[in-house]
mmCIF file of all heavy atoms, coordinates in Angstrom:
data_MODEL
# 
_entry.id   MODEL 
# 
loop_
_atom_site.group_PDB 
_atom_site.id 
_atom_site.type_symbol 
_atom_site.label_atom_id 
_atom_site.label_alt_id 
_atom_site.label_comp_id 
_atom_site.label_asym_id 
_atom_site.label_entity_id 
_atom_site.label_seq_id 
_atom_site.pdbx_PDB_ins_code 
_atom_site.Cartn_x 
_atom_site.Cartn_y 
_atom_site.Cartn_z 
_atom_site.occupancy 
_atom_site.B_iso_or_equiv 
_atom_site.pdbx_formal_charge 
_atom_site.auth_seq_id 
_atom_site.auth_comp_id 
_atom_site.auth_asym_id 
_atom_site.auth_atom_id 
_atom_site.pdbx_PDB_model_num 
ATOM 1   N N   . ILE A 1 1  ? 0.847   -1.193  0.011   1.00 0.00 ? 1  ILE A N   1 
ATOM 2   C CA  . ILE A 1 1  ? 0.015   0.006   0.015   1.00 0.00 ? 1  ILE A CA  1 
ATOM 3   C C   . ILE A 1 1  ? 0.885   1.237   -0.008  1.00 0.00 ? 1  ILE A C   1 
ATOM 4   O O   . ILE A 1 1  ? 1.926   1.269   0.640   1.00 0.00 ? 1  ILE A O   1 
ATOM 5   C CB  . ILE A 1 1  ? -0.983  0.007   1.183   1.00 0.00 ? 1  ILE A CB  1 
ATOM 6   C CG1 . ILE A 1 1  ? -2.043  1.128   1.026   1.00 0.00 ? 1  ILE A CG1 1 
ATOM 7   C CG2 . ILE A 1 1  ? -0.231  0.115   2.530   1.00 0.00 ? 1  ILE A CG2 1 
ATOM 8   C CD1 . ILE A 1 1  ? -3.192  0.995   2.035   1.00 0.00 ? 1  ILE A CD1 1 
ATOM 9   N N   . SER A 1 2  ? 0.443   2.261   -0.739  1.00 0.00 ? 2  SER A N   1 
ATOM 10  C CA  . SER A 1 2  ? 1.237   3.484   -0.821  1.00 0.00 ? 2  SER A CA  1 
ATOM 11  C C   . SER A 1 2  ? 0.293   4.627   -1.128  1.00 0.00 ? 2  SER A C   1 
ATOM 12  O O   . SER A 1 2  ? -0.869  4.430   -1.515  1.00 0.00 ? 2  SER A O   1 
ATOM 13  C CB  . SER A 1 2  ? 2.320   3.418   -1.878  1.00 0.00 ? 2  SER A CB  1 
ATOM 14  O OG  . SER A 1 2  ? 1.755   3.227   -3.163  1.00 0.00 ? 2  SER A OG  1 
ATOM 15  N N   . THR A 1 3  ? 0.785   5.840   -0.962  1.00 0.00 ? 3  THR A N   1 
ATOM 16  C CA  . THR A 1 3  ? -0.038  7.008   -1.216  1.00 0.00 ? 3  THR A CA  1 
ATOM 17  C C   . THR A 1 3  ? 0.727   8.054   -2.051  1.00 0.00 ? 3  THR A C   1 
ATOM 18  O O   . THR A 1 3  ? 1.957   8.089   -2.028  1.00 0.00 ? 3  THR A O   1 
ATOM 19  C CB  . THR A 1 3  ? -0.512  7.705   0.091   1.00 0.00 ? 3  THR A CB  1 
ATOM 20  O OG1 . THR A 1 3  ? 0.645   8.078   0.849   1.00 0.00 ? 3  THR A OG1 1 
ATOM 21  C CG2 . THR A 1 3  ? -1.400  6.801   0.894   1.00 0.00 ? 3  THR A CG2 1 
ATOM 22  N N   . ASP A 1 4  ? -0.024  8.852   -2.743  1.00 0.00 ? 4  ASP A N   1 
ATOM 23  C CA  . ASP A 1 4  ? 0.502   10.045  -3.409  1.00 0.00 ? 4  ASP A CA  1 
ATOM 24  C C   . ASP A 1 4  ? -0.302  11.218  -2.817  1.00 0.00 ? 4  ASP A C   1 
ATOM 25  O O   . ASP A 1 4  ? -1.437  11.443  -3.252  1.00 0.00 ? 4  ASP A O   1 
ATOM 26  C CB  . ASP A 1 4  ? 0.344   9.975   -4.904  1.00 0.00 ? 4  ASP A CB  1 
ATOM 27  C CG  . ASP A 1 4  ? 0.910   11.169  -5.632  1.00 0.00 ? 4  ASP A CG  1 
ATOM 28  O OD1 . ASP A 1 4  ? 1.032   12.273  -5.011  1.00 0.00 ? 4  ASP A OD1 1 
ATOM 29  O OD2 . ASP A 1 4  ? 1.296   11.060  -6.816  1.00 0.00 ? 4  ASP A OD2 1 
ATOM 30  N N   . ASN A 1 5  ? 0.246   11.842  -1.802  1.00 0.00 ? 5  ASN A N   1 
ATOM 31  C CA  . ASN A 1 5  ? -0.528  12.867  -1.073  1.00 0.00 ? 5  ASN A CA  1 
ATOM 32  C C   . ASN A 1 5  ? -0.898  14.028  -1.974  1.00 0.00 ? 5  ASN A C   1 
ATOM 33  O O   . ASN A 1 5  ? -1.967  14.650  -1.789  1.00 0.00 ? 5  ASN A O   1 
ATOM 34  C CB  . ASN A 1 5  ? 0.262   13.351  0.137   1.00 0.00 ? 5  ASN A CB  1 
ATOM 35  C CG  . ASN A 1 5  ? 0.403   12.248  1.193   1.00 0.00 ? 5  ASN A CG  1 
ATOM 36  O OD1 . ASN A 1 5  ? -0.483  11.401  1.324   1.00 0.00 ? 5  ASN A OD1 1 
ATOM 37  N ND2 . ASN A 1 5  ? 1.505   12.271  1.904   1.00 0.00 ? 5  ASN A ND2 1 
ATOM 38  N N   . ALA A 1 6  ? -0.079  14.351  -2.931  1.00 0.00 ? 6  ALA A N   1 
ATOM 39  C CA  . ALA A 1 6  ? -0.350  15.470  -3.810  1.00 0.00 ? 6  ALA A CA  1 
ATOM 40  C C   . ALA A 1 6  ? -1.579  15.189  -4.671  1.00 0.00 ? 6  ALA A C   1 
ATOM 41  O O   . ALA A 1 6  ? -2.292  16.119  -5.063  1.00 0.00 ? 6  ALA A O   1 
ATOM 42  C CB  . ALA A 1 6  ? 0.829   15.741  -4.731  1.00 0.00 ? 6  ALA A CB  1 
ATOM 43  N N   . LYS A 1 7  ? -1.853  13.906  -4.904  1.00 0.00 ? 7  LYS A N   1 
ATOM 44  C CA  . LYS A 1 7  ? -3.027  13.510  -5.714  1.00 0.00 ? 7  LYS A CA  1 
ATOM 45  C C   . LYS A 1 7  ? -4.142  12.962  -4.894  1.00 0.00 ? 7  LYS A C   1 
ATOM 46  O O   . LYS A 1 7  ? -5.167  12.556  -5.428  1.00 0.00 ? 7  LYS A O   1 
ATOM 47  C CB  . LYS A 1 7  ? -2.584  12.471  -6.756  1.00 0.00 ? 7  LYS A CB  1 
ATOM 48  C CG  . LYS A 1 7  ? -1.560  12.933  -7.773  1.00 0.00 ? 7  LYS A CG  1 
ATOM 49  C CD  . LYS A 1 7  ? -1.222  11.849  -8.745  1.00 0.00 ? 7  LYS A CD  1 
ATOM 50  C CE  . LYS A 1 7  ? -0.211  12.305  -9.789  1.00 0.00 ? 7  LYS A CE  1 
ATOM 51  N NZ  . LYS A 1 7  ? 0.166   11.252  -10.737 1.00 0.00 ? 7  LYS A NZ  1 
ATOM 52  N N   . ASN A 1 8  ? -3.978  12.976  -3.555  1.00 0.00 ? 8  ASN A N   1 
ATOM 53  C CA  . ASN A 1 8  ? -5.008  12.384  -2.649  1.00 0.00 ? 8  ASN A CA  1 
ATOM 54  C C   . ASN A 1 8  ? -5.359  11.007  -3.096  1.00 0.00 ? 8  ASN A C   1 
ATOM 55  O O   . ASN A 1 8  ? -6.581  10.630  -3.127  1.00 0.00 ? 8  ASN A O   1 
ATOM 56  C CB  . ASN A 1 8  ? -6.271  13.273  -2.620  1.00 0.00 ? 8  ASN A CB  1 
ATOM 57  C CG  . ASN A 1 8  ? -6.050  14.556  -1.840  1.00 0.00 ? 8  ASN A CG  1 
ATOM 58  O OD1 . ASN A 1 8  ? -5.249  14.606  -0.902  1.00 0.00 ? 8  ASN A OD1 1 
ATOM 59  N ND2 . ASN A 1 8  ? -6.742  15.607  -2.212  1.00 0.00 ? 8  ASN A ND2 1 
ATOM 60  N N   . THR A 1 9  ? -4.367  10.217  -3.426  1.00 0.00 ? 9  THR A N   1 
ATOM 61  C CA  . THR A 1 9  ? -4.595  8.893   -4.010  1.00 0.00 ? 9  THR A CA  1 
ATOM 62  C C   . THR A 1 9  ? -3.867  7.857   -3.152  1.00 0.00 ? 9  THR A C   1 
ATOM 63  O O   . THR A 1 9  ? -2.696  8.050   -2.767  1.00 0.00 ? 9  THR A O   1 
ATOM 64  C CB  . THR A 1 9  ? -4.163  8.825   -5.466  1.00 0.00 ? 9  THR A CB  1 
ATOM 65  O OG1 . THR A 1 9  ? -4.921  9.762   -6.212  1.00 0.00 ? 9  THR A OG1 1 
ATOM 66  C CG2 . THR A 1 9  ? -4.358  7.447   -6.025  1.00 0.00 ? 9  THR A CG2 1 
ATOM 67  N N   . VAL A 1 10 ? -4.539  6.713   -2.943  1.00 0.00 ? 10 VAL A N   1 
ATOM 68  C CA  . VAL A 1 10 ? -3.928  5.584   -2.296  1.00 0.00 ? 10 VAL A CA  1 
ATOM 69  C C   . VAL A 1 10 ? -3.906  4.433   -3.314  1.00 0.00 ? 10 VAL A C   1 
ATOM 70  O O   . VAL A 1 10 ? -4.830  4.266   -4.083  1.00 0.00 ? 10 VAL A O   1 
ATOM 71  C CB  . VAL A 1 10 ? -4.648  5.152   -1.018  1.00 0.00 ? 10 VAL A CB  1 
ATOM 72  C CG1 . VAL A 1 10 ? -6.103  4.758   -1.283  1.00 0.00 ? 10 VAL A CG1 1 
ATOM 73  C CG2 . VAL A 1 10 ? -3.921  4.048   -0.282  1.00 0.00 ? 10 VAL A CG2 1 
ATOM 74  N N   . TYR A 1 11 ? -2.823  3.686   -3.305  1.00 0.00 ? 11 TYR A N   1 
ATOM 75  C CA  . TYR A 1 11 ? -2.621  2.591   -4.250  1.00 0.00 ? 11 TYR A CA  1 
ATOM 76  C C   . TYR A 1 11 ? -2.509  1.261   -3.491  1.00 0.00 ? 11 TYR A C   1 
ATOM 77  O O   . TYR A 1 11 ? -2.033  1.232   -2.350  1.00 0.00 ? 11 TYR A O   1 
ATOM 78  C CB  . TYR A 1 11 ? -1.380  2.762   -5.076  1.00 0.00 ? 11 TYR A CB  1 
ATOM 79  C CG  . TYR A 1 11 ? -1.336  4.072   -5.831  1.00 0.00 ? 11 TYR A CG  1 
ATOM 80  C CD1 . TYR A 1 11 ? -0.641  5.156   -5.308  1.00 0.00 ? 11 TYR A CD1 1 
ATOM 81  C CD2 . TYR A 1 11 ? -1.948  4.214   -7.077  1.00 0.00 ? 11 TYR A CD2 1 
ATOM 82  C CE1 . TYR A 1 11 ? -0.593  6.374   -6.003  1.00 0.00 ? 11 TYR A CE1 1 
ATOM 83  C CE2 . TYR A 1 11 ? -1.915  5.406   -7.768  1.00 0.00 ? 11 TYR A CE2 1 
ATOM 84  C CZ  . TYR A 1 11 ? -1.226  6.485   -7.236  1.00 0.00 ? 11 TYR A CZ  1 
ATOM 85  O OH  . TYR A 1 11 ? -1.197  7.689   -7.941  1.00 0.00 ? 11 TYR A OH  1 
ATOM 86  N N   . LEU A 1 12 ? -2.888  0.177   -4.136  1.00 0.00 ? 12 LEU A N   1 
ATOM 87  C CA  . LEU A 1 12 ? -2.660  -1.156  -3.624  1.00 0.00 ? 12 LEU A CA  1 
ATOM 88  C C   . LEU A 1 12 ? -2.039  -1.955  -4.744  1.00 0.00 ? 12 LEU A C   1 
ATOM 89  O O   . LEU A 1 12 ? -2.727  -2.325  -5.715  1.00 0.00 ? 12 LEU A O   1 
ATOM 90  C CB  . LEU A 1 12 ? -3.940  -1.809  -3.125  1.00 0.00 ? 12 LEU A CB  1 
ATOM 91  C CG  . LEU A 1 12 ? -3.741  -3.163  -2.440  1.00 0.00 ? 12 LEU A CG  1 
ATOM 92  C CD1 . LEU A 1 12 ? -3.017  -2.958  -1.121  1.00 0.00 ? 12 LEU A CD1 1 
ATOM 93  C CD2 . LEU A 1 12 ? -5.071  -3.847  -2.214  1.00 0.00 ? 12 LEU A CD2 1 
ATOM 94  N N   . GLN A 1 13 ? -0.735  -2.196  -4.654  1.00 0.00 ? 13 GLN A N   1 
ATOM 95  C CA  . GLN A 1 13 ? -0.034  -3.034  -5.613  1.00 0.00 ? 13 GLN A CA  1 
ATOM 96  C C   . GLN A 1 13 ? -0.195  -4.497  -5.140  1.00 0.00 ? 13 GLN A C   1 
ATOM 97  O O   . GLN A 1 13 ? 0.228   -4.837  -4.032  1.00 0.00 ? 13 GLN A O   1 
ATOM 98  C CB  . GLN A 1 13 ? 1.440   -2.645  -5.668  1.00 0.00 ? 13 GLN A CB  1 
ATOM 99  C CG  . GLN A 1 13 ? 2.276   -3.538  -6.600  1.00 0.00 ? 13 GLN A CG  1 
ATOM 100 C CD  . GLN A 1 13 ? 1.859   -3.378  -8.053  1.00 0.00 ? 13 GLN A CD  1 
ATOM 101 O OE1 . GLN A 1 13 ? 1.584   -2.279  -8.523  1.00 0.00 ? 13 GLN A OE1 1 
ATOM 102 N NE2 . GLN A 1 13 ? 1.838   -4.507  -8.787  1.00 0.00 ? 13 GLN A NE2 1 
ATOM 103 N N   . MET A 1 14 ? -0.786  -5.291  -5.989  1.00 0.00 ? 14 MET A N   1 
ATOM 104 C CA  . MET A 1 14 ? -1.043  -6.677  -5.646  1.00 0.00 ? 14 MET A CA  1 
ATOM 105 C C   . MET A 1 14 ? -0.221  -7.594  -6.549  1.00 0.00 ? 14 MET A C   1 
ATOM 106 O O   . MET A 1 14 ? -0.449  -7.608  -7.759  1.00 0.00 ? 14 MET A O   1 
ATOM 107 C CB  . MET A 1 14 ? -2.536  -6.997  -5.791  1.00 0.00 ? 14 MET A CB  1 
ATOM 108 C CG  . MET A 1 14 ? -3.405  -6.036  -4.981  1.00 0.00 ? 14 MET A CG  1 
ATOM 109 S SD  . MET A 1 14 ? -5.179  -6.469  -5.007  1.00 0.00 ? 14 MET A SD  1 
ATOM 110 C CE  . MET A 1 14 ? -5.526  -6.180  -6.769  1.00 0.00 ? 14 MET A CE  1 
ATOM 111 N N   . ASP A 1 15 ? 0.689   -8.321  -5.986  1.00 0.00 ? 15 ASP A N   1 
ATOM 112 C CA  . ASP A 1 15 ? 1.561   -9.245  -6.743  1.00 0.00 ? 15 ASP A CA  1 
ATOM 113 C C   . ASP A 1 15 ? 1.293   -10.700 -6.256  1.00 0.00 ? 15 ASP A C   1 
ATOM 114 O O   . ASP A 1 15 ? 0.745   -10.886 -5.180  1.00 0.00 ? 15 ASP A O   1 
ATOM 115 C CB  . ASP A 1 15 ? 3.039   -8.844  -6.503  1.00 0.00 ? 15 ASP A CB  1 
ATOM 116 C CG  . ASP A 1 15 ? 3.366   -7.464  -7.018  1.00 0.00 ? 15 ASP A CG  1 
ATOM 117 O OD1 . ASP A 1 15 ? 2.896   -7.104  -8.105  1.00 0.00 ? 15 ASP A OD1 1 
ATOM 118 O OD2 . ASP A 1 15 ? 4.090   -6.729  -6.303  1.00 0.00 ? 15 ASP A OD2 1 
ATOM 119 N N   . SER A 1 16 ? 1.768   -11.612 -7.064  1.00 0.00 ? 16 SER A N   1 
ATOM 120 C CA  . SER A 1 16 ? 1.623   -13.040 -6.702  1.00 0.00 ? 16 SER A CA  1 
ATOM 121 C C   . SER A 1 16 ? 0.177   -13.357 -6.336  1.00 0.00 ? 16 SER A C   1 
ATOM 122 O O   . SER A 1 16 ? -0.090  -14.009 -5.325  1.00 0.00 ? 16 SER A O   1 
ATOM 123 C CB  . SER A 1 16 ? 2.563   -13.415 -5.569  1.00 0.00 ? 16 SER A CB  1 
ATOM 124 O OG  . SER A 1 16 ? 3.903   -13.130 -5.887  1.00 0.00 ? 16 SER A OG  1 
ATOM 125 N N   . LEU A 1 17 ? -0.731  -12.902 -7.140  1.00 0.00 ? 17 LEU A N   1 
ATOM 126 C CA  . LEU A 1 17 ? -2.147  -13.071 -6.838  1.00 0.00 ? 17 LEU A CA  1 
ATOM 127 C C   . LEU A 1 17 ? -2.551  -14.515 -6.852  1.00 0.00 ? 17 LEU A C   1 
ATOM 128 O O   . LEU A 1 17 ? -2.043  -15.317 -7.665  1.00 0.00 ? 17 LEU A O   1 
ATOM 129 C CB  . LEU A 1 17 ? -3.009  -12.250 -7.813  1.00 0.00 ? 17 LEU A CB  1 
ATOM 130 C CG  . LEU A 1 17 ? -3.047  -10.751 -7.497  1.00 0.00 ? 17 LEU A CG  1 
ATOM 131 C CD1 . LEU A 1 17 ? -3.475  -9.931  -8.693  1.00 0.00 ? 17 LEU A CD1 1 
ATOM 132 C CD2 . LEU A 1 17 ? -3.976  -10.481 -6.307  1.00 0.00 ? 17 LEU A CD2 1 
ATOM 133 N N   . LYS A 1 18 ? -3.477  -14.859 -5.948  1.00 0.00 ? 18 LYS A N   1 
ATOM 134 C CA  . LYS A 1 18 ? -3.981  -16.210 -5.812  1.00 0.00 ? 18 LYS A CA  1 
ATOM 135 C C   . LYS A 1 18 ? -5.481  -16.204 -6.103  1.00 0.00 ? 18 LYS A C   1 
ATOM 136 O O   . LYS A 1 18 ? -6.158  -15.196 -5.930  1.00 0.00 ? 18 LYS A O   1 
ATOM 137 C CB  . LYS A 1 18 ? -3.738  -16.724 -4.401  1.00 0.00 ? 18 LYS A CB  1 
ATOM 138 C CG  . LYS A 1 18 ? -2.292  -16.652 -3.948  1.00 0.00 ? 18 LYS A CG  1 
ATOM 139 C CD  . LYS A 1 18 ? -2.176  -17.074 -2.530  1.00 0.00 ? 18 LYS A CD  1 
ATOM 140 C CE  . LYS A 1 18 ? -0.765  -16.993 -1.999  1.00 0.00 ? 18 LYS A CE  1 
ATOM 141 N NZ  . LYS A 1 18 ? -0.640  -17.382 -0.565  1.00 0.00 ? 18 LYS A NZ  1 
ATOM 142 N N   . PRO A 1 19 ? -6.046  -17.341 -6.464  1.00 0.00 ? 19 PRO A N   1 
ATOM 143 C CA  . PRO A 1 19 ? -7.529  -17.412 -6.660  1.00 0.00 ? 19 PRO A CA  1 
ATOM 144 C C   . PRO A 1 19 ? -8.298  -16.959 -5.443  1.00 0.00 ? 19 PRO A C   1 
ATOM 145 O O   . PRO A 1 19 ? -9.355  -16.320 -5.570  1.00 0.00 ? 19 PRO A O   1 
ATOM 146 C CB  . PRO A 1 19 ? -7.745  -18.892 -6.953  1.00 0.00 ? 19 PRO A CB  1 
ATOM 147 C CG  . PRO A 1 19 ? -6.478  -19.332 -7.595  1.00 0.00 ? 19 PRO A CG  1 
ATOM 148 C CD  . PRO A 1 19 ? -5.387  -18.597 -6.868  1.00 0.00 ? 19 PRO A CD  1 
ATOM 149 N N   . GLU A 1 20 ? -7.776  -17.194 -4.259  1.00 0.00 ? 20 GLU A N   1 
ATOM 150 C CA  . GLU A 1 20 ? -8.461  -16.774 -3.032  1.00 0.00 ? 20 GLU A CA  1 
ATOM 151 C C   . GLU A 1 20 ? -8.424  -15.274 -2.824  1.00 0.00 ? 20 GLU A C   1 
ATOM 152 O O   . GLU A 1 20 ? -9.086  -14.782 -1.898  1.00 0.00 ? 20 GLU A O   1 
ATOM 153 C CB  . GLU A 1 20 ? -7.924  -17.523 -1.801  1.00 0.00 ? 20 GLU A CB  1 
ATOM 154 C CG  . GLU A 1 20 ? -6.419  -17.451 -1.657  1.00 0.00 ? 20 GLU A CG  1 
ATOM 155 C CD  . GLU A 1 20 ? -5.758  -18.680 -2.211  1.00 0.00 ? 20 GLU A CD  1 
ATOM 156 O OE1 . GLU A 1 20 ? -6.083  -19.123 -3.325  1.00 0.00 ? 20 GLU A OE1 1 
ATOM 157 O OE2 . GLU A 1 20 ? -4.798  -19.180 -1.512  1.00 0.00 ? 20 GLU A OE2 1 
ATOM 158 N N   . ASP A 1 21 ? -7.683  -14.553 -3.645  1.00 0.00 ? 21 ASP A N   1 
ATOM 159 C CA  . ASP A 1 21 ? -7.737  -13.092 -3.572  1.00 0.00 ? 21 ASP A CA  1 
ATOM 160 C C   . ASP A 1 21 ? -8.934  -12.513 -4.330  1.00 0.00 ? 21 ASP A C   1 
ATOM 161 O O   . ASP A 1 21 ? -9.191  -11.311 -4.292  1.00 0.00 ? 21 ASP A O   1 
ATOM 162 C CB  . ASP A 1 21 ? -6.459  -12.480 -4.175  1.00 0.00 ? 21 ASP A CB  1 
ATOM 163 C CG  . ASP A 1 21 ? -5.225  -12.803 -3.336  1.00 0.00 ? 21 ASP A CG  1 
ATOM 164 O OD1 . ASP A 1 21 ? -5.299  -12.730 -2.080  1.00 0.00 ? 21 ASP A OD1 1 
ATOM 165 O OD2 . ASP A 1 21 ? -4.183  -13.145 -3.944  1.00 0.00 ? 21 ASP A OD2 1 
ATOM 166 N N   . THR A 1 22 ? -9.691  -13.392 -5.004  1.00 0.00 ? 22 THR A N   1 
ATOM 167 C CA  . THR A 1 22 ? -10.838 -12.902 -5.756  1.00 0.00 ? 22 THR A CA  1 
ATOM 168 C C   . THR A 1 22 ? -11.862 -12.333 -4.806  1.00 0.00 ? 22 THR A C   1 
ATOM 169 O O   . THR A 1 22 ? -12.281 -12.978 -3.859  1.00 0.00 ? 22 THR A O   1 
ATOM 170 C CB  . THR A 1 22 ? -11.451 -14.109 -6.544  1.00 0.00 ? 22 THR A CB  1 
ATOM 171 O OG1 . THR A 1 22 ? -10.523 -14.535 -7.570  1.00 0.00 ? 22 THR A OG1 1 
ATOM 172 C CG2 . THR A 1 22 ? -12.756 -13.676 -7.233  1.00 0.00 ? 22 THR A CG2 1 
ATOM 173 N N   . ALA A 1 23 ? -12.253 -11.120 -5.066  1.00 0.00 ? 23 ALA A N   1 
ATOM 174 C CA  . ALA A 1 23 ? -13.203 -10.389 -4.221  1.00 0.00 ? 23 ALA A CA  1 
ATOM 175 C C   . ALA A 1 23 ? -13.522 -9.027  -4.808  1.00 0.00 ? 23 ALA A C   1 
ATOM 176 O O   . ALA A 1 23 ? -12.861 -8.614  -5.793  1.00 0.00 ? 23 ALA A O   1 
ATOM 177 C CB  . ALA A 1 23 ? -12.619 -10.219 -2.816  1.00 0.00 ? 23 ALA A CB  1 
ATOM 178 N N   . VAL A 1 24 ? -14.465 -8.366  -4.216  1.00 0.00 ? 24 VAL A N   1 
ATOM 179 C CA  . VAL A 1 24 ? -14.670 -6.934  -4.495  1.00 0.00 ? 24 VAL A CA  1 
ATOM 180 C C   . VAL A 1 24 ? -13.817 -6.188  -3.467  1.00 0.00 ? 24 VAL A C   1 
ATOM 181 O O   . VAL A 1 24 ? -13.901 -6.435  -2.257  1.00 0.00 ? 24 VAL A O   1 
ATOM 182 C CB  . VAL A 1 24 ? -16.146 -6.537  -4.367  1.00 0.00 ? 24 VAL A CB  1 
ATOM 183 C CG1 . VAL A 1 24 ? -16.304 -5.029  -4.603  1.00 0.00 ? 24 VAL A CG1 1 
ATOM 184 C CG2 . VAL A 1 24 ? -17.019 -7.284  -5.362  1.00 0.00 ? 24 VAL A CG2 1 
ATOM 185 N N   . TYR A 1 25 ? -12.976 -5.300  -3.995  1.00 0.00 ? 25 TYR A N   1 
ATOM 186 C CA  . TYR A 1 25 ? -12.083 -4.509  -3.147  1.00 0.00 ? 25 TYR A CA  1 
ATOM 187 C C   . TYR A 1 25 ? -12.675 -3.106  -2.978  1.00 0.00 ? 25 TYR A C   1 
ATOM 188 O O   . TYR A 1 25 ? -13.034 -2.447  -3.958  1.00 0.00 ? 25 TYR A O   1 
ATOM 189 C CB  . TYR A 1 25 ? -10.707 -4.456  -3.786  1.00 0.00 ? 25 TYR A CB  1 
ATOM 190 C CG  . TYR A 1 25 ? -9.934  -5.725  -3.606  1.00 0.00 ? 25 TYR A CG  1 
ATOM 191 C CD1 . TYR A 1 25 ? -10.332 -6.883  -4.292  1.00 0.00 ? 25 TYR A CD1 1 
ATOM 192 C CD2 . TYR A 1 25 ? -8.846  -5.823  -2.723  1.00 0.00 ? 25 TYR A CD2 1 
ATOM 193 C CE1 . TYR A 1 25 ? -9.644  -8.080  -4.151  1.00 0.00 ? 25 TYR A CE1 1 
ATOM 194 C CE2 . TYR A 1 25 ? -8.172  -7.001  -2.561  1.00 0.00 ? 25 TYR A CE2 1 
ATOM 195 C CZ  . TYR A 1 25 ? -8.571  -8.152  -3.271  1.00 0.00 ? 25 TYR A CZ  1 
ATOM 196 O OH  . TYR A 1 25 ? -7.909  -9.324  -3.099  1.00 0.00 ? 25 TYR A OH  1 
ATOM 197 N N   . TYR A 1 26 ? -12.730 -2.693  -1.711  1.00 0.00 ? 26 TYR A N   1 
ATOM 198 C CA  . TYR A 1 26 ? -13.341 -1.390  -1.379  1.00 0.00 ? 26 TYR A CA  1 
ATOM 199 C C   . TYR A 1 26 ? -12.258 -0.474  -0.778  1.00 0.00 ? 26 TYR A C   1 
ATOM 200 O O   . TYR A 1 26 ? -11.526 -0.829  0.147   1.00 0.00 ? 26 TYR A O   1 
ATOM 201 C CB  . TYR A 1 26 ? -14.471 -1.540  -0.375  1.00 0.00 ? 26 TYR A CB  1 
ATOM 202 C CG  . TYR A 1 26 ? -15.649 -2.323  -0.875  1.00 0.00 ? 26 TYR A CG  1 
ATOM 203 C CD1 . TYR A 1 26 ? -15.722 -3.708  -0.685  1.00 0.00 ? 26 TYR A CD1 1 
ATOM 204 C CD2 . TYR A 1 26 ? -16.694 -1.669  -1.491  1.00 0.00 ? 26 TYR A CD2 1 
ATOM 205 C CE1 . TYR A 1 26 ? -16.837 -4.404  -1.168  1.00 0.00 ? 26 TYR A CE1 1 
ATOM 206 C CE2 . TYR A 1 26 ? -17.804 -2.368  -1.951  1.00 0.00 ? 26 TYR A CE2 1 
ATOM 207 C CZ  . TYR A 1 26 ? -17.834 -3.735  -1.788  1.00 0.00 ? 26 TYR A CZ  1 
ATOM 208 O OH  . TYR A 1 26 ? -18.944 -4.459  -2.227  1.00 0.00 ? 26 TYR A OH  1 
ATOM 209 N N   . CYS A 1 27 ? -12.217 0.734   -1.304  1.00 0.00 ? 27 CYS A N   1 
ATOM 210 C CA  . CYS A 1 27 ? -11.380 1.747   -0.717  1.00 0.00 ? 27 CYS A CA  1 
ATOM 211 C C   . CYS A 1 27 ? -12.080 2.304   0.530   1.00 0.00 ? 27 CYS A C   1 
ATOM 212 O O   . CYS A 1 27 ? -13.322 2.448   0.541   1.00 0.00 ? 27 CYS A O   1 
ATOM 213 C CB  . CYS A 1 27 ? -11.145 2.863   -1.729  1.00 0.00 ? 27 CYS A CB  1 
ATOM 214 S SG  . CYS A 1 27 ? -10.096 4.218   -1.158  1.00 0.00 ? 27 CYS A SG  1 
ATOM 215 N N   . TRP A 1 28 ? -11.306 2.653   1.517   1.00 0.00 ? 28 TRP A N   1 
ATOM 216 C CA  . TRP A 1 28 ? -11.859 3.126   2.813   1.00 0.00 ? 28 TRP A CA  1 
ATOM 217 C C   . TRP A 1 28 ? -11.008 4.284   3.313   1.00 0.00 ? 28 TRP A C   1 
ATOM 218 O O   . TRP A 1 28 ? -9.795  4.288   3.162   1.00 0.00 ? 28 TRP A O   1 
ATOM 219 C CB  . TRP A 1 28 ? -11.883 1.986   3.810   1.00 0.00 ? 28 TRP A CB  1 
ATOM 220 C CG  . TRP A 1 28 ? -11.906 2.398   5.240   1.00 0.00 ? 28 TRP A CG  1 
ATOM 221 C CD1 . TRP A 1 28 ? -12.965 2.849   5.925   1.00 0.00 ? 28 TRP A CD1 1 
ATOM 222 C CD2 . TRP A 1 28 ? -10.841 2.361   6.168   1.00 0.00 ? 28 TRP A CD2 1 
ATOM 223 N NE1 . TRP A 1 28 ? -12.627 3.083   7.249   1.00 0.00 ? 28 TRP A NE1 1 
ATOM 224 C CE2 . TRP A 1 28 ? -11.322 2.821   7.426   1.00 0.00 ? 28 TRP A CE2 1 
ATOM 225 C CE3 . TRP A 1 28 ? -9.489  2.002   6.067   1.00 0.00 ? 28 TRP A CE3 1 
ATOM 226 C CZ2 . TRP A 1 28 ? -10.531 2.925   8.561   1.00 0.00 ? 28 TRP A CZ2 1 
ATOM 227 C CZ3 . TRP A 1 28 ? -8.681  2.111   7.189   1.00 0.00 ? 28 TRP A CZ3 1 
ATOM 228 C CH2 . TRP A 1 28 ? -9.227  2.561   8.419   1.00 0.00 ? 28 TRP A CH2 1 
ATOM 229 N N   . MET A 1 29 ? -11.708 5.239   3.933   1.00 0.00 ? 29 MET A N   1 
ATOM 230 C CA  . MET A 1 29 ? -11.000 6.330   4.569   1.00 0.00 ? 29 MET A CA  1 
ATOM 231 C C   . MET A 1 29 ? -11.651 6.628   5.958   1.00 0.00 ? 29 MET A C   1 
ATOM 232 O O   . MET A 1 29 ? -12.880 6.646   6.032   1.00 0.00 ? 29 MET A O   1 
ATOM 233 C CB  . MET A 1 29 ? -11.062 7.606   3.732   1.00 0.00 ? 29 MET A CB  1 
ATOM 234 C CG  . MET A 1 29 ? -10.452 8.805   4.445   1.00 0.00 ? 29 MET A CG  1 
ATOM 235 S SD  . MET A 1 29 ? -10.665 10.381  3.556   1.00 0.00 ? 29 MET A SD  1 
ATOM 236 C CE  . MET A 1 29 ? -9.398  10.187  2.306   1.00 0.00 ? 29 MET A CE  1 
# 
């Protein structure tokens, strides 16, 4: 997880994905 504060943006880099990672992903603040 990382942020770009200038852009008010948060990122989630997901590597080595597995079938069990299948889901709806929700951003939260």
